[in-house]
Amino acid sequence: MTQNIAVIAANGKSGQLIVREAVDRGLDVTAVVRGENKTVAQHAIIKDLFDLTAADLAGFDAVVDAFGAWTPETFPQHSTSLKHLADVLSSADARLIVVGGAGSLYVNPEHTVQLSQTDGFPEAFLPLATAMGDSLAELRERSDVRWTYVSPAADFQADGPRTGKYVLAGEEFTANEAGESAISYADYAIAIVDEATAAPENAHVNERISVRW
């Protein structure tokens, strides 16, 4: 079972909740941050993601990538950051758990149409969804890294409640009986730590999974 976790971009809203969830479970957590550690992690690496080396991430059972880029100028960093982390963790035993997006979830059984390609997808979010989808497509080409990409529900609620429950799904977009696809950052954090600490037979290695209420 995973005991030693690093969380990259730990000072972000999702990063802080993932750190807290892991610490509350008694795990040994290291926050990877560019400045002051604002999390409850017991340890910190003060370093830019793009400057991380294999030595920095050696010895961790799992590395959670909570990095996000939110402006058009930085959207390409979804791909470049993930490539850098995959290169750093290439052939390592550590798992790479990626905080992903919902736009790349498939809406048909053939897996030819993504949520971001459907009518009604918010145009304002399309460039971000495309950038995140591209980074997932590139990650799928990596067989030298033990990665898992975790897509949240379509309505990803930063300040939503922690219910302690979620539904685990796969590559396809799913909704509840009311047709709603939502989850809070807090419950998503539970799913991330569950996956990071999963027994080998239950781990989704080199797979994309999704979670919702």
C-alpha atoms as a PDB file:
ATOM      1  CA  MET A   1       0.000   0.000   0.000  1.00  0.00           C
ATOM      2  CA  THR A   2       1.169   3.453  -0.855  1.00  0.00           C
ATOM      3  CA  GLN A   3       2.450   5.372   2.139  1.00  0.00           C
ATOM      4  CA  ASN A   4       4.701   8.051   0.675  1.00  0.00           C
ATOM      5  CA  ILE A   5       3.049  10.597  -1.632  1.00  0.00           C
ATOM      6  CA  ALA A   6       4.208  13.752  -3.362  1.00  0.00           C
ATOM      7  CA  VAL A   7       1.601  16.284  -4.509  1.00  0.00           C
ATOM      8  CA  ILE A   8       2.737  18.657  -7.242  1.00  0.00           C
ATOM      9  CA  ALA A   9       1.153  22.132  -7.344  1.00  0.00           C
ATOM     10  CA  ALA A  10       0.018  21.410  -3.809  1.00  0.00           C
ATOM     11  CA  ASN A  11      -0.822  25.036  -3.020  1.00  0.00           C
ATOM     12  CA  GLY A  12      -3.691  25.035  -5.521  1.00  0.00           C
ATOM     13  CA  LYS A  13      -7.256  24.441  -4.377  1.00  0.00           C
ATOM     14  CA  SER A  14      -7.376  20.810  -5.501  1.00  0.00           C
ATOM     15  CA  GLY A  15      -3.789  20.222  -4.394  1.00  0.00           C
ATOM     16  CA  GLN A  16      -4.455  21.429  -0.858  1.00  0.00           C
ATOM     17  CA  LEU A  17      -7.503  19.188  -0.501  1.00  0.00           C
ATOM     18  CA  ILE A  18      -5.616  16.165  -1.837  1.00  0.00           C
ATOM     19  CA  VAL A  19      -2.804  16.837   0.637  1.00  0.00           C
ATOM     20  CA  ARG A  20      -5.246  17.155   3.527  1.00  0.00           C
ATOM     21  CA  GLU A  21      -7.040  13.938   2.558  1.00  0.00           C
ATOM     22  CA  ALA A  22      -3.749  12.047   2.421  1.00  0.00           C
ATOM     23  CA  VAL A  23      -2.443  13.495   5.694  1.00  0.00           C
ATOM     24  CA  ASP A  24      -5.736  12.723   7.445  1.00  0.00           C
ATOM     25  CA  ARG A  25      -5.259   9.086   6.435  1.00  0.00           C
ATOM     26  CA  GLY A  26      -1.842   8.974   8.047  1.00  0.00           C
ATOM     27  CA  LEU A  27       0.199   9.045   4.844  1.00  0.00           C
ATOM     28  CA  ASP A  28       3.614  10.649   4.580  1.00  0.00           C
ATOM     29  CA  VAL A  29       2.975  13.613   2.273  1.00  0.00           C
ATOM     30  CA  THR A  30       5.373  15.981   0.544  1.00  0.00           C
ATOM     31  CA  ALA A  31       4.039  19.166  -1.030  1.00  0.00           C
ATOM     32  CA  VAL A  32       5.821  20.265  -4.193  1.00  0.00           C
ATOM     33  CA  VAL A  33       5.368  24.027  -4.418  1.00  0.00           C
ATOM     34  CA  ARG A  34       7.100  27.003  -6.010  1.00  0.00           C
ATOM     35  CA  GLY A  35       6.964  29.141  -2.868  1.00  0.00           C
ATOM     36  CA  GLU A  36       5.848  28.899   0.730  1.00  0.00           C
ATOM     37  CA  ASN A  37       4.120  25.627   1.591  1.00  0.00           C
ATOM     38  CA  LYS A  38       0.507  26.558   2.383  1.00  0.00           C
ATOM     39  CA  THR A  39      -0.638  22.972   2.881  1.00  0.00           C
ATOM     40  CA  VAL A  40      -0.752  20.626   5.873  1.00  0.00           C
ATOM     41  CA  ALA A  41       1.893  18.361   4.311  1.00  0.00           C
ATOM     42  CA  GLN A  42       4.650  17.261   6.669  1.00  0.00           C
ATOM     43  CA  HIS A  43       7.374  17.961   4.089  1.00  0.00           C
ATOM     44  CA  ALA A  44       7.906  20.282   1.156  1.00  0.00           C
ATOM     45  CA  ILE A  45      10.001  20.537  -1.983  1.00  0.00           C
ATOM     46  CA  ILE A  46      10.276  24.187  -2.984  1.00  0.00           C
ATOM     47  CA  LYS A  47      10.815  23.935  -6.715  1.00  0.00           C
ATOM     48  CA  ASP A  48       9.145  24.719 -10.013  1.00  0.00           C
ATOM     49  CA  LEU A  49       7.536  21.677 -11.636  1.00  0.00           C
ATOM     50  CA  PHE A  50       9.661  22.116 -14.750  1.00  0.00           C
ATOM     51  CA  ASP A  51      12.853  22.019 -12.661  1.00  0.00           C
ATOM     52  CA  LEU A  52      12.049  18.731 -10.920  1.00  0.00           C
ATOM     53  CA  THR A  53      14.517  15.903 -11.415  1.00  0.00           C
ATOM     54  CA  ALA A  54      14.400  12.140 -10.993  1.00  0.00           C
ATOM     55  CA  ALA A  55      16.339  12.580  -7.748  1.00  0.00           C
ATOM     56  CA  ASP A  56      13.658  14.960  -6.407  1.00  0.00           C
ATOM     57  CA  LEU A  57      10.922  12.379  -6.924  1.00  0.00           C
ATOM     58  CA  ALA A  58      12.885   9.271  -6.006  1.00  0.00           C
ATOM     59  CA  GLY A  59      11.447   7.156  -3.211  1.00  0.00           C
ATOM     60  CA  PHE A  60       7.806   8.153  -3.554  1.00  0.00           C
ATOM     61  CA  ASP A  61       5.162   5.470  -3.963  1.00  0.00           C
ATOM     62  CA  ALA A  62       2.905   7.884  -5.839  1.00  0.00           C
ATOM     63  CA  VAL A  63       3.212  11.336  -7.360  1.00  0.00           C
ATOM     64  CA  VAL A  64      -0.025  13.301  -7.762  1.00  0.00           C
ATOM     65  CA  ASP A  65       0.048  15.925 -10.507  1.00  0.00           C
ATOM     66  CA  ALA A  66      -2.398  18.686  -9.552  1.00  0.00           C
ATOM     67  CA  PHE A  67      -0.878  21.240 -11.942  1.00  0.00           C
ATOM     68  CA  GLY A  68      -3.242  23.445 -13.892  1.00  0.00           C
ATOM     69  CA  ALA A  69      -2.844  26.211 -16.465  1.00  0.00           C
ATOM     70  CA  TRP A  70      -5.740  28.591 -16.860  1.00  0.00           C
ATOM     71  CA  THR A  71      -4.795  31.191 -19.483  1.00  0.00           C
ATOM     72  CA  PRO A  72      -4.520  30.752 -23.273  1.00  0.00           C
ATOM     73  CA  GLU A  73      -0.821  31.579 -23.113  1.00  0.00           C
ATOM     74  CA  THR A  74      -0.165  28.768 -20.648  1.00  0.00           C
ATOM     75  CA  PHE A  75      -2.559  26.092 -21.961  1.00  0.00           C
ATOM     76  CA  PRO A  76       0.319  24.295 -23.771  1.00  0.00           C
ATOM     77  CA  GLN A  77       1.875  23.675 -20.342  1.00  0.00           C
ATOM     78  CA  HIS A  78      -0.688  20.928 -19.751  1.00  0.00           C
ATOM     79  CA  SER A  79       1.262  18.907 -22.311  1.00  0.00           C
ATOM     80  CA  THR A  80       4.764  20.130 -21.544  1.00  0.00           C
ATOM     81  CA  SER A  81       4.387  19.684 -17.770  1.00  0.00           C
ATOM     82  CA  LEU A  82       2.997  16.177 -18.110  1.00  0.00           C
ATOM     83  CA  LYS A  83       5.745  15.208 -20.555  1.00  0.00           C
ATOM     84  CA  HIS A  84       8.361  16.505 -18.121  1.00  0.00           C
ATOM     85  CA  LEU A  85       6.902  14.550 -15.211  1.00  0.00           C
ATOM     86  CA  ALA A  86       6.596  11.406 -17.334  1.00  0.00           C
ATOM     87  CA  ASP A  87      10.227  11.788 -18.408  1.00  0.00           C
ATOM     88  CA  VAL A  88      11.324  12.275 -14.792  1.00  0.00           C
ATOM     89  CA  LEU A  89       9.367   9.205 -13.661  1.00  0.00           C
ATOM     90  CA  SER A  90      10.241   7.072 -16.681  1.00  0.00           C
ATOM     91  CA  SER A  91      10.858   3.459 -15.601  1.00  0.00           C
ATOM     92  CA  ALA A  92      10.399   4.398 -11.934  1.00  0.00           C
ATOM     93  CA  ASP A  93       8.236   2.364  -9.567  1.00  0.00           C
ATOM     94  CA  ALA A  94       6.252   5.437  -8.519  1.00  0.00           C
ATOM     95  CA  ARG A  95       2.749   5.856  -9.863  1.00  0.00           C
ATOM     96  CA  LEU A  96       1.794   9.125 -11.560  1.00  0.00           C
ATOM     97  CA  ILE A  97      -1.782  10.134 -10.693  1.00  0.00           C
ATOM     98  CA  VAL A  98      -3.004  13.005 -12.880  1.00  0.00           C
ATOM     99  CA  VAL A  99      -5.736  15.477 -11.932  1.00  0.00           C
ATOM    100  CA  GLY A 100      -7.487  15.656 -15.285  1.00  0.00           C
ATOM    101  CA  GLY A 101     -10.441  17.249 -17.026  1.00  0.00           C
ATOM    102  CA  ALA A 102     -13.937  16.143 -18.034  1.00  0.00           C
ATOM    103  CA  GLY A 103     -13.967  17.450 -21.593  1.00  0.00           C
ATOM    104  CA  SER A 104     -12.085  14.443 -22.956  1.00  0.00           C
ATOM    105  CA  LEU A 105     -14.616  11.904 -21.651  1.00  0.00           C
ATOM    106  CA  TYR A 106     -16.302   9.978 -24.450  1.00  0.00           C
ATOM    107  CA  VAL A 107     -20.026  10.257 -25.103  1.00  0.00           C
ATOM    108  CA  ASN A 108     -20.384   7.222 -27.376  1.00  0.00           C
ATOM    109  CA  PRO A 109     -19.448   3.536 -27.036  1.00  0.00           C
ATOM    110  CA  GLU A 110     -17.097   3.759 -30.018  1.00  0.00           C
ATOM    111  CA  HIS A 111     -15.023   6.397 -28.200  1.00  0.00           C
ATOM    112  CA  THR A 112     -14.921   8.654 -31.228  1.00  0.00           C
ATOM    113  CA  VAL A 113     -16.725  11.703 -29.791  1.00  0.00           C
ATOM    114  CA  GLN A 114     -15.616  13.565 -26.684  1.00  0.00           C
ATOM    115  CA  LEU A 115     -17.764  15.690 -24.399  1.00  0.00           C
ATOM    116  CA  SER A 116     -15.922  18.807 -25.560  1.00  0.00           C
ATOM    117  CA  GLN A 117     -17.006  18.060 -29.142  1.00  0.00           C
ATOM    118  CA  THR A 118     -20.730  17.999 -28.378  1.00  0.00           C
ATOM    119  CA  ASP A 119     -23.293  20.740 -28.931  1.00  0.00           C
ATOM    120  CA  GLY A 120     -23.786  22.773 -25.814  1.00  0.00           C
ATOM    121  CA  PHE A 121     -20.270  22.404 -24.459  1.00  0.00           C
ATOM    122  CA  PRO A 122     -19.361  25.882 -23.141  1.00  0.00           C
ATOM    123  CA  GLU A 123     -17.322  27.625 -25.799  1.00  0.00           C
ATOM    124  CA  ALA A 124     -15.310  29.485 -23.171  1.00  0.00           C
ATOM    125  CA  PHE A 125     -13.951  26.191 -21.811  1.00  0.00           C
ATOM    126  CA  LEU A 126     -13.175  24.605 -25.183  1.00  0.00           C
ATOM    127  CA  PRO A 127      -9.528  25.750 -25.467  1.00  0.00           C
ATOM    128  CA  LEU A 128      -8.770  24.464 -21.947  1.00  0.00           C
ATOM    129  CA  ALA A 129     -10.576  21.173 -22.585  1.00  0.00           C
ATOM    130  CA  THR A 130      -8.711  20.740 -25.862  1.00  0.00           C
ATOM    131  CA  ALA A 131      -5.349  21.368 -24.228  1.00  0.00           C
ATOM    132  CA  MET A 132      -6.093  18.893 -21.439  1.00  0.00           C
ATOM    133  CA  GLY A 133      -7.385  16.337 -23.927  1.00  0.00           C
ATOM    134  CA  ASP A 134      -4.217  16.665 -25.968  1.00  0.00           C
ATOM    135  CA  SER A 135      -2.097  16.035 -22.887  1.00  0.00           C
ATOM    136  CA  LEU A 136      -4.075  12.857 -22.136  1.00  0.00           C
ATOM    137  CA  ALA A 137      -3.642  11.639 -25.708  1.00  0.00           C
ATOM    138  CA  GLU A 138       0.117  12.129 -25.390  1.00  0.00           C
ATOM    139  CA  LEU A 139       0.179  10.376 -22.013  1.00  0.00           C
ATOM    140  CA  ARG A 140      -1.549   7.347 -23.536  1.00  0.00           C
ATOM    141  CA  GLU A 141       1.549   6.859 -25.709  1.00  0.00           C
ATOM    142  CA  ARG A 142       3.725   6.340 -22.628  1.00  0.00           C
ATOM    143  CA  SER A 143       4.296   2.735 -21.590  1.00  0.00           C
ATOM    144  CA  ASP A 144       7.350   3.617 -19.497  1.00  0.00           C
ATOM    145  CA  VAL A 145       5.307   5.345 -16.774  1.00  0.00           C
ATOM    146  CA  ARG A 146       2.709   3.880 -14.381  1.00  0.00           C
ATOM    147  CA  TRP A 147       0.157   6.632 -14.962  1.00  0.00           C
ATOM    148  CA  THR A 148      -3.519   7.018 -14.076  1.00  0.00           C
ATOM    149  CA  TYR A 149      -5.581   9.947 -15.405  1.00  0.00           C
ATOM    150  CA  VAL A 150      -8.587  10.880 -13.273  1.00  0.00           C
ATOM    151  CA  SER A 151     -11.352  12.925 -14.923  1.00  0.00           C
ATOM    152  CA  PRO A 152     -13.824  14.731 -12.676  1.00  0.00           C
ATOM    153  CA  ALA A 153     -17.513  15.194 -13.424  1.00  0.00           C
ATOM    154  CA  ALA A 154     -18.593  17.964 -15.787  1.00  0.00           C
ATOM    155  CA  ASP A 155     -19.621  20.204 -12.888  1.00  0.00           C
ATOM    156  CA  PHE A 156     -16.440  20.263 -10.828  1.00  0.00           C
ATOM    157  CA  GLN A 157     -17.359  22.216  -7.697  1.00  0.00           C
ATOM    158  CA  ALA A 158     -14.414  23.922  -6.010  1.00  0.00           C
ATOM    159  CA  ASP A 159     -16.358  24.715  -2.844  1.00  0.00           C
ATOM    160  CA  GLY A 160     -18.777  21.789  -2.908  1.00  0.00           C
ATOM    161  CA  PRO A 161     -19.354  19.631   0.171  1.00  0.00           C
ATOM    162  CA  ARG A 162     -17.333  16.631   1.244  1.00  0.00           C
ATOM    163  CA  THR A 163     -19.918  13.854   1.266  1.00  0.00           C
ATOM    164  CA  GLY A 164     -17.410  11.006   1.502  1.00  0.00           C
ATOM    165  CA  LYS A 165     -19.017   9.265  -1.465  1.00  0.00           C
ATOM    166  CA  TYR A 166     -18.406   9.068  -5.195  1.00  0.00           C
ATOM    167  CA  VAL A 167     -19.118   6.810  -8.169  1.00  0.00           C
ATOM    168  CA  LEU A 168     -16.122   5.410 -10.038  1.00  0.00           C
ATOM    169  CA  ALA A 169     -16.539   5.169 -13.823  1.00  0.00           C
ATOM    170  CA  GLY A 170     -14.329   4.734 -16.847  1.00  0.00           C
ATOM    171  CA  GLU A 171     -13.656   6.465 -20.160  1.00  0.00           C
ATOM    172  CA  GLU A 172     -17.257   7.436 -20.853  1.00  0.00           C
ATOM    173  CA  PHE A 173     -19.211  10.417 -19.583  1.00  0.00           C
ATOM    174  CA  THR A 174     -21.792   9.355 -16.984  1.00  0.00           C
ATOM    175  CA  ALA A 175     -24.470  11.127 -14.972  1.00  0.00           C
ATOM    176  CA  ASN A 176     -26.760  10.316 -12.061  1.00  0.00           C
ATOM    177  CA  GLU A 177     -30.447   9.419 -12.370  1.00  0.00           C
ATOM    178  CA  ALA A 178     -31.323  13.110 -12.540  1.00  0.00           C
ATOM    179  CA  GLY A 179     -28.960  13.578 -15.469  1.00  0.00           C
ATOM    180  CA  GLU A 180     -26.462  15.504 -13.372  1.00  0.00           C
ATOM    181  CA  SER A 181     -22.701  15.106 -13.635  1.00  0.00           C
ATOM    182  CA  ALA A 182     -21.088  16.776 -10.630  1.00  0.00           C
ATOM    183  CA  ILE A 183     -18.540  16.266  -7.891  1.00  0.00           C
ATOM    184  CA  SER A 184     -16.818  18.489  -5.348  1.00  0.00           C
ATOM    185  CA  TYR A 185     -13.082  19.036  -5.162  1.00  0.00           C
ATOM    186  CA  ALA A 186     -13.216  17.484  -1.669  1.00  0.00           C
ATOM    187  CA  ASP A 187     -14.814  14.219  -2.815  1.00  0.00           C
ATOM    188  CA  TYR A 188     -12.586  14.153  -5.890  1.00  0.00           C
ATOM    189  CA  ALA A 189      -9.626  14.333  -3.492  1.00  0.00           C
ATOM    190  CA  ILE A 190     -10.937  11.197  -1.777  1.00  0.00           C
ATOM    191  CA  ALA A 191     -10.956   9.403  -5.127  1.00  0.00           C
ATOM    192  CA  ILE A 192      -7.422  10.550  -5.914  1.00  0.00           C
ATOM    193  CA  VAL A 193      -6.043   9.250  -2.622  1.00  0.00           C
ATOM    194  CA  ASP A 194      -8.064   6.034  -2.963  1.00  0.00           C
ATOM    195  CA  GLU A 195      -6.448   5.432  -6.344  1.00  0.00           C
ATOM    196  CA  ALA A 196      -2.976   6.383  -5.145  1.00  0.00           C
ATOM    197  CA  THR A 197      -3.236   3.915  -2.271  1.00  0.00           C
ATOM    198  CA  ALA A 198      -5.030   1.120  -4.119  1.00  0.00           C
ATOM    199  CA  ALA A 199      -3.710  -2.415  -3.887  1.00  0.00           C
ATOM    200  CA  PRO A 200      -1.991  -3.519  -7.116  1.00  0.00           C
ATOM    201  CA  GLU A 201      -4.942  -5.654  -8.182  1.00  0.00           C
ATOM    202  CA  ASN A 202      -7.309  -2.684  -7.842  1.00  0.00           C
ATOM    203  CA  ALA A 203      -5.095   0.017  -9.351  1.00  0.00           C
ATOM    204  CA  HIS A 204      -5.980   1.500 -12.738  1.00  0.00           C
ATOM    205  CA  VAL A 205      -2.463   1.600 -14.150  1.00  0.00           C
ATOM    206  CA  ASN A 206      -2.148   3.150 -17.622  1.00  0.00           C
ATOM    207  CA  GLU A 207      -5.865   3.881 -17.633  1.00  0.00           C
ATOM    208  CA  ARG A 208      -8.154   6.893 -17.517  1.00  0.00           C
ATOM    209  CA  ILE A 209     -10.925   6.728 -14.927  1.00  0.00           C
ATOM    210  CA  SER A 210     -13.636   9.201 -13.976  1.00  0.00           C
ATOM    211  CA  VAL A 211     -15.505  10.076 -10.803  1.00  0.00           C
ATOM    212  CA  ARG A 212     -18.822  11.748 -10.037  1.00  0.00           C
ATOM    213  CA  TRP A 213     -21.471  11.817  -7.342  1.00  0.00           C
END
